[in-house]
Amino acid sequence: MKMRKENLNRLNSVAAVSKSNYSYLLWKYQLKEVICILKENVRGRILDVGCGNKPFEKYLESMVTEYIGCDVVQSSLQKVDVVCDATDIPFENECFDSIISTQVLEHISETDLCLQEMYRLLVKGGILILTVPFVWPIHEEPYDYYRFTEHGFKV
């Protein structure tokens, strides 16, 4: 498995996407929708897999009891609580009420292992919210492996 060594300059907040960014309109509307979905569904102890600089934390902090972020490297703002691979997250079974992972799965070479790991960490009846790109340029090369369709997620 390829591991990144350097800190990543990740999104600091959902408002941080510049209007001059070629994907501004996609980000603007997608992030707005993701925030609504998160606010309606997350609860309790939350794990953010691939958290980067935790751009959703401020929207969720009043709704959750604990917000923990993990990522493969420390983020540019030092927001990652646990540096680990998404296929081997060092927590006990069934210890999170909610897990979110936004725009991360395409960067995991072993997506099945990652999804199994998230399932292991969720309490029975817990909530998993994933977002992935479909029509999106290659990014964070060479760590951009997949694009998923809704059918690929159902398998």
C-alpha atoms as a PDB file:
ATOM      1  CA  MET A   1       0.000   0.000   0.000  1.00  0.00           C
ATOM      2  CA  LYS A   2       1.324   3.422  -0.955  1.00  0.00           C
ATOM      3  CA  MET A   3       1.538   5.790   1.990  1.00  0.00           C
ATOM      4  CA  ARG A   4       1.845   9.530   1.795  1.00  0.00           C
ATOM      5  CA  LYS A   5       4.665  11.126   3.713  1.00  0.00           C
ATOM      6  CA  GLU A   6       3.926  14.845   3.449  1.00  0.00           C
ATOM      7  CA  ASN A   7       1.198  16.847   5.127  1.00  0.00           C
ATOM      8  CA  LEU A   8      -1.710  17.560   2.836  1.00  0.00           C
ATOM      9  CA  ASN A   9      -3.062  21.024   2.282  1.00  0.00           C
ATOM     10  CA  ARG A  10      -6.677  19.994   2.675  1.00  0.00           C
ATOM     11  CA  LEU A  11      -9.876  21.978   2.658  1.00  0.00           C
ATOM     12  CA  ASN A  12     -10.040  24.143   5.781  1.00  0.00           C
ATOM     13  CA  SER A  13     -13.736  24.890   5.637  1.00  0.00           C
ATOM     14  CA  VAL A  14     -16.556  24.416   3.221  1.00  0.00           C
ATOM     15  CA  ALA A  15     -16.478  28.152   2.595  1.00  0.00           C
ATOM     16  CA  ALA A  16     -12.775  28.038   1.678  1.00  0.00           C
ATOM     17  CA  VAL A  17     -13.247  27.049  -1.977  1.00  0.00           C
ATOM     18  CA  SER A  18     -12.290  30.062  -4.066  1.00  0.00           C
ATOM     19  CA  LYS A  19     -14.620  31.274  -6.809  1.00  0.00           C
ATOM     20  CA  SER A  20     -11.631  31.117  -9.155  1.00  0.00           C
ATOM     21  CA  ASN A  21     -11.314  27.348  -8.561  1.00  0.00           C
ATOM     22  CA  TYR A  22     -12.400  25.459 -11.703  1.00  0.00           C
ATOM     23  CA  SER A  23     -14.629  23.198  -9.591  1.00  0.00           C
ATOM     24  CA  TYR A  24     -16.191  25.964  -7.486  1.00  0.00           C
ATOM     25  CA  LEU A  25     -19.797  25.353  -8.596  1.00  0.00           C
ATOM     26  CA  LEU A  26     -19.535  21.620  -7.976  1.00  0.00           C
ATOM     27  CA  TRP A  27     -18.071  22.185  -4.511  1.00  0.00           C
ATOM     28  CA  LYS A  28     -20.539  24.894  -3.609  1.00  0.00           C
ATOM     29  CA  TYR A  29     -23.650  22.831  -4.229  1.00  0.00           C
ATOM     30  CA  GLN A  30     -22.274  19.461  -3.201  1.00  0.00           C
ATOM     31  CA  LEU A  31     -20.908  20.701   0.112  1.00  0.00           C
ATOM     32  CA  LYS A  32     -24.157  22.462   0.930  1.00  0.00           C
ATOM     33  CA  GLU A  33     -26.039  19.190   0.391  1.00  0.00           C
ATOM     34  CA  VAL A  34     -23.495  17.164   2.376  1.00  0.00           C
ATOM     35  CA  ILE A  35     -23.805  19.535   5.333  1.00  0.00           C
ATOM     36  CA  CYS A  36     -27.605  19.107   5.337  1.00  0.00           C
ATOM     37  CA  ILE A  37     -27.294  15.313   5.197  1.00  0.00           C
ATOM     38  CA  LEU A  38     -24.737  15.294   8.004  1.00  0.00           C
ATOM     39  CA  LYS A  39     -26.817  17.592  10.224  1.00  0.00           C
ATOM     40  CA  GLU A  40     -29.892  15.382   9.746  1.00  0.00           C
ATOM     41  CA  ASN A  41     -28.158  12.071  10.401  1.00  0.00           C
ATOM     42  CA  VAL A  42     -25.015  12.124  12.537  1.00  0.00           C
ATOM     43  CA  ARG A  43     -25.178  11.706  16.275  1.00  0.00           C
ATOM     44  CA  GLY A  44     -23.160  10.548  19.273  1.00  0.00           C
ATOM     45  CA  ARG A  45     -19.508   9.730  18.873  1.00  0.00           C
ATOM     46  CA  ILE A  46     -18.358  10.440  15.306  1.00  0.00           C
ATOM     47  CA  LEU A  47     -15.331   9.330  13.313  1.00  0.00           C
ATOM     48  CA  ASP A  48     -14.311  11.310  10.231  1.00  0.00           C
ATOM     49  CA  VAL A  49     -12.214   8.990   8.028  1.00  0.00           C
ATOM     50  CA  GLY A  50      -9.902  11.047   5.844  1.00  0.00           C
ATOM     51  CA  CYS A  51     -10.731  14.125   7.896  1.00  0.00           C
ATOM     52  CA  GLY A  52      -7.976  16.391   6.590  1.00  0.00           C
ATOM     53  CA  ASN A  53      -8.549  19.784   8.242  1.00  0.00           C
ATOM     54  CA  LYS A  54     -12.032  18.762   9.464  1.00  0.00           C
ATOM     55  CA  PRO A  55     -14.093  21.165   7.325  1.00  0.00           C
ATOM     56  CA  PHE A  56     -17.389  19.798   8.732  1.00  0.00           C
ATOM     57  CA  GLU A  57     -16.454  19.939  12.427  1.00  0.00           C
ATOM     58  CA  LYS A  58     -17.955  23.356  13.141  1.00  0.00           C
ATOM     59  CA  TYR A  59     -21.295  22.262  11.663  1.00  0.00           C
ATOM     60  CA  LEU A  60     -21.473  19.131  13.798  1.00  0.00           C
ATOM     61  CA  GLU A  61     -19.790  19.934  17.107  1.00  0.00           C
ATOM     62  CA  SER A  62     -23.025  20.857  18.875  1.00  0.00           C
ATOM     63  CA  MET A  63     -24.740  17.677  17.640  1.00  0.00           C
ATOM     64  CA  VAL A  64     -22.161  15.048  18.585  1.00  0.00           C
ATOM     65  CA  THR A  65     -20.593  13.970  21.859  1.00  0.00           C
ATOM     66  CA  GLU A  66     -17.118  13.540  20.375  1.00  0.00           C
ATOM     67  CA  TYR A  67     -15.623  14.295  16.950  1.00  0.00           C
ATOM     68  CA  ILE A  68     -12.511  12.269  16.087  1.00  0.00           C
ATOM     69  CA  GLY A  69     -10.691  12.554  12.788  1.00  0.00           C
ATOM     70  CA  CYS A  70      -8.257  10.127  11.235  1.00  0.00           C
ATOM     71  CA  ASP A  71      -6.193  10.452   8.084  1.00  0.00           C
ATOM     72  CA  VAL A  72      -3.167   8.874   6.469  1.00  0.00           C
ATOM     73  CA  VAL A  73      -0.981  11.908   7.262  1.00  0.00           C
ATOM     74  CA  GLN A  74      -1.263  14.950   9.491  1.00  0.00           C
ATOM     75  CA  SER A  75      -3.131  17.789   7.820  1.00  0.00           C
ATOM     76  CA  SER A  76      -1.739  21.216   7.047  1.00  0.00           C
ATOM     77  CA  LEU A  77      -3.555  22.686  10.093  1.00  0.00           C
ATOM     78  CA  GLN A  78      -2.631  19.788  12.416  1.00  0.00           C
ATOM     79  CA  LYS A  79      -6.294  18.728  12.808  1.00  0.00           C
ATOM     80  CA  VAL A  80      -5.864  14.941  12.458  1.00  0.00           C
ATOM     81  CA  ASP A  81      -6.393  13.201  15.811  1.00  0.00           C
ATOM     82  CA  VAL A  82      -5.170   9.755  14.716  1.00  0.00           C
ATOM     83  CA  VAL A  83      -2.717   9.247  11.869  1.00  0.00           C
ATOM     84  CA  CYS A  84      -3.431   5.817  10.384  1.00  0.00           C
ATOM     85  CA  ASP A  85      -4.338   3.949   7.242  1.00  0.00           C
ATOM     86  CA  ALA A  86      -8.089   3.790   6.572  1.00  0.00           C
ATOM     87  CA  THR A  87      -7.859  -0.001   6.365  1.00  0.00           C
ATOM     88  CA  ASP A  88      -6.430  -0.281   9.897  1.00  0.00           C
ATOM     89  CA  ILE A  89      -7.989   2.241  12.282  1.00  0.00           C
ATOM     90  CA  PRO A  90      -6.842   1.706  15.889  1.00  0.00           C
ATOM     91  CA  PHE A  91     -10.152   1.684  17.786  1.00  0.00           C
ATOM     92  CA  GLU A  92     -12.188  -1.075  19.401  1.00  0.00           C
ATOM     93  CA  ASN A  93     -15.099  -2.713  17.586  1.00  0.00           C
ATOM     94  CA  GLU A  94     -18.442  -0.917  17.575  1.00  0.00           C
ATOM     95  CA  CYS A  95     -17.273   2.285  19.225  1.00  0.00           C
ATOM     96  CA  PHE A  96     -18.710   4.971  16.902  1.00  0.00           C
ATOM     97  CA  ASP A  97     -22.337   5.992  16.445  1.00  0.00           C
ATOM     98  CA  SER A  98     -21.597   7.761  13.161  1.00  0.00           C
ATOM     99  CA  ILE A  99     -18.814   7.592  10.602  1.00  0.00           C
ATOM    100  CA  ILE A 100     -18.362  10.071   7.796  1.00  0.00           C
ATOM    101  CA  SER A 101     -15.929   9.917   4.921  1.00  0.00           C
ATOM    102  CA  THR A 102     -16.190  12.591   2.273  1.00  0.00           C
ATOM    103  CA  GLN A 103     -14.283  12.389  -1.001  1.00  0.00           C
ATOM    104  CA  VAL A 104     -11.829   9.819   0.395  1.00  0.00           C
ATOM    105  CA  LEU A 105     -12.710   6.346  -0.880  1.00  0.00           C
ATOM    106  CA  GLU A 106     -11.308   7.039  -4.343  1.00  0.00           C
ATOM    107  CA  HIS A 107      -7.878   7.422  -2.689  1.00  0.00           C
ATOM    108  CA  ILE A 108      -7.960   4.017  -0.981  1.00  0.00           C
ATOM    109  CA  SER A 109      -6.405   1.245  -3.067  1.00  0.00           C
ATOM    110  CA  GLU A 110      -8.191  -1.454  -1.023  1.00  0.00           C
ATOM    111  CA  THR A 111     -11.715  -0.060  -0.763  1.00  0.00           C
ATOM    112  CA  ASP A 112     -13.207  -3.350   0.446  1.00  0.00           C
ATOM    113  CA  LEU A 113     -10.863  -3.401   3.446  1.00  0.00           C
ATOM    114  CA  CYS A 114     -11.643   0.227   4.203  1.00  0.00           C
ATOM    115  CA  LEU A 115     -15.412  -0.369   4.144  1.00  0.00           C
ATOM    116  CA  GLN A 116     -15.013  -3.477   6.321  1.00  0.00           C
ATOM    117  CA  GLU A 117     -13.015  -1.403   8.800  1.00  0.00           C
ATOM    118  CA  MET A 118     -15.709   1.281   8.957  1.00  0.00           C
ATOM    119  CA  TYR A 119     -18.382  -1.385   9.440  1.00  0.00           C
ATOM    120  CA  ARG A 120     -16.316  -2.920  12.275  1.00  0.00           C
ATOM    121  CA  LEU A 121     -16.138   0.430  14.057  1.00  0.00           C
ATOM    122  CA  LEU A 122     -19.861   1.273  13.802  1.00  0.00           C
ATOM    123  CA  VAL A 123     -22.236   0.364  16.594  1.00  0.00           C
ATOM    124  CA  LYS A 124     -25.229  -1.734  15.567  1.00  0.00           C
ATOM    125  CA  GLY A 125     -27.679   0.649  13.911  1.00  0.00           C
ATOM    126  CA  GLY A 126     -24.955   3.262  13.426  1.00  0.00           C
ATOM    127  CA  ILE A 127     -24.825   5.684  10.509  1.00  0.00           C
ATOM    128  CA  LEU A 128     -22.202   5.660   7.742  1.00  0.00           C
ATOM    129  CA  ILE A 129     -22.191   8.589   5.338  1.00  0.00           C
ATOM    130  CA  LEU A 130     -19.872   8.410   2.325  1.00  0.00           C
ATOM    131  CA  THR A 131     -19.374  10.748  -0.585  1.00  0.00           C
ATOM    132  CA  VAL A 132     -17.209  10.012  -3.608  1.00  0.00           C
ATOM    133  CA  PRO A 133     -16.566  11.860  -6.855  1.00  0.00           C
ATOM    134  CA  PHE A 134     -17.838  10.576 -10.170  1.00  0.00           C
ATOM    135  CA  VAL A 135     -16.999  13.130 -12.839  1.00  0.00           C
ATOM    136  CA  TRP A 136     -13.949  14.743 -11.329  1.00  0.00           C
ATOM    137  CA  PRO A 137     -10.386  15.327 -12.527  1.00  0.00           C
ATOM    138  CA  ILE A 138      -7.601  13.102 -11.265  1.00  0.00           C
ATOM    139  CA  HIS A 139      -6.212  14.633  -8.084  1.00  0.00           C
ATOM    140  CA  GLU A 140      -3.681  13.890  -5.327  1.00  0.00           C
ATOM    141  CA  GLU A 141      -1.731  11.835  -7.864  1.00  0.00           C
ATOM    142  CA  PRO A 142      -0.694   9.052  -7.739  1.00  0.00           C
ATOM    143  CA  TYR A 143      -3.218   8.281  -4.976  1.00  0.00           C
ATOM    144  CA  ASP A 144      -6.410   8.576  -7.021  1.00  0.00           C
ATOM    145  CA  TYR A 145      -7.608   5.047  -7.845  1.00  0.00           C
ATOM    146  CA  TYR A 146     -11.363   4.835  -8.478  1.00  0.00           C
ATOM    147  CA  ARG A 147     -14.589   6.465  -9.569  1.00  0.00           C
ATOM    148  CA  PHE A 148     -17.803   4.861  -8.334  1.00  0.00           C
ATOM    149  CA  THR A 149     -21.261   4.711  -9.812  1.00  0.00           C
ATOM    150  CA  GLU A 150     -24.378   4.197  -7.693  1.00  0.00           C
ATOM    151  CA  HIS A 151     -24.346   0.582  -8.942  1.00  0.00           C
ATOM    152  CA  GLY A 152     -20.774   0.076  -7.771  1.00  0.00           C
ATOM    153  CA  PHE A 153     -21.805   1.110  -4.278  1.00  0.00           C
ATOM    154  CA  LYS A 154     -24.699  -1.341  -4.209  1.00  0.00           C
ATOM    155  CA  VAL A 155     -22.492  -4.372  -4.914  1.00  0.00           C
END
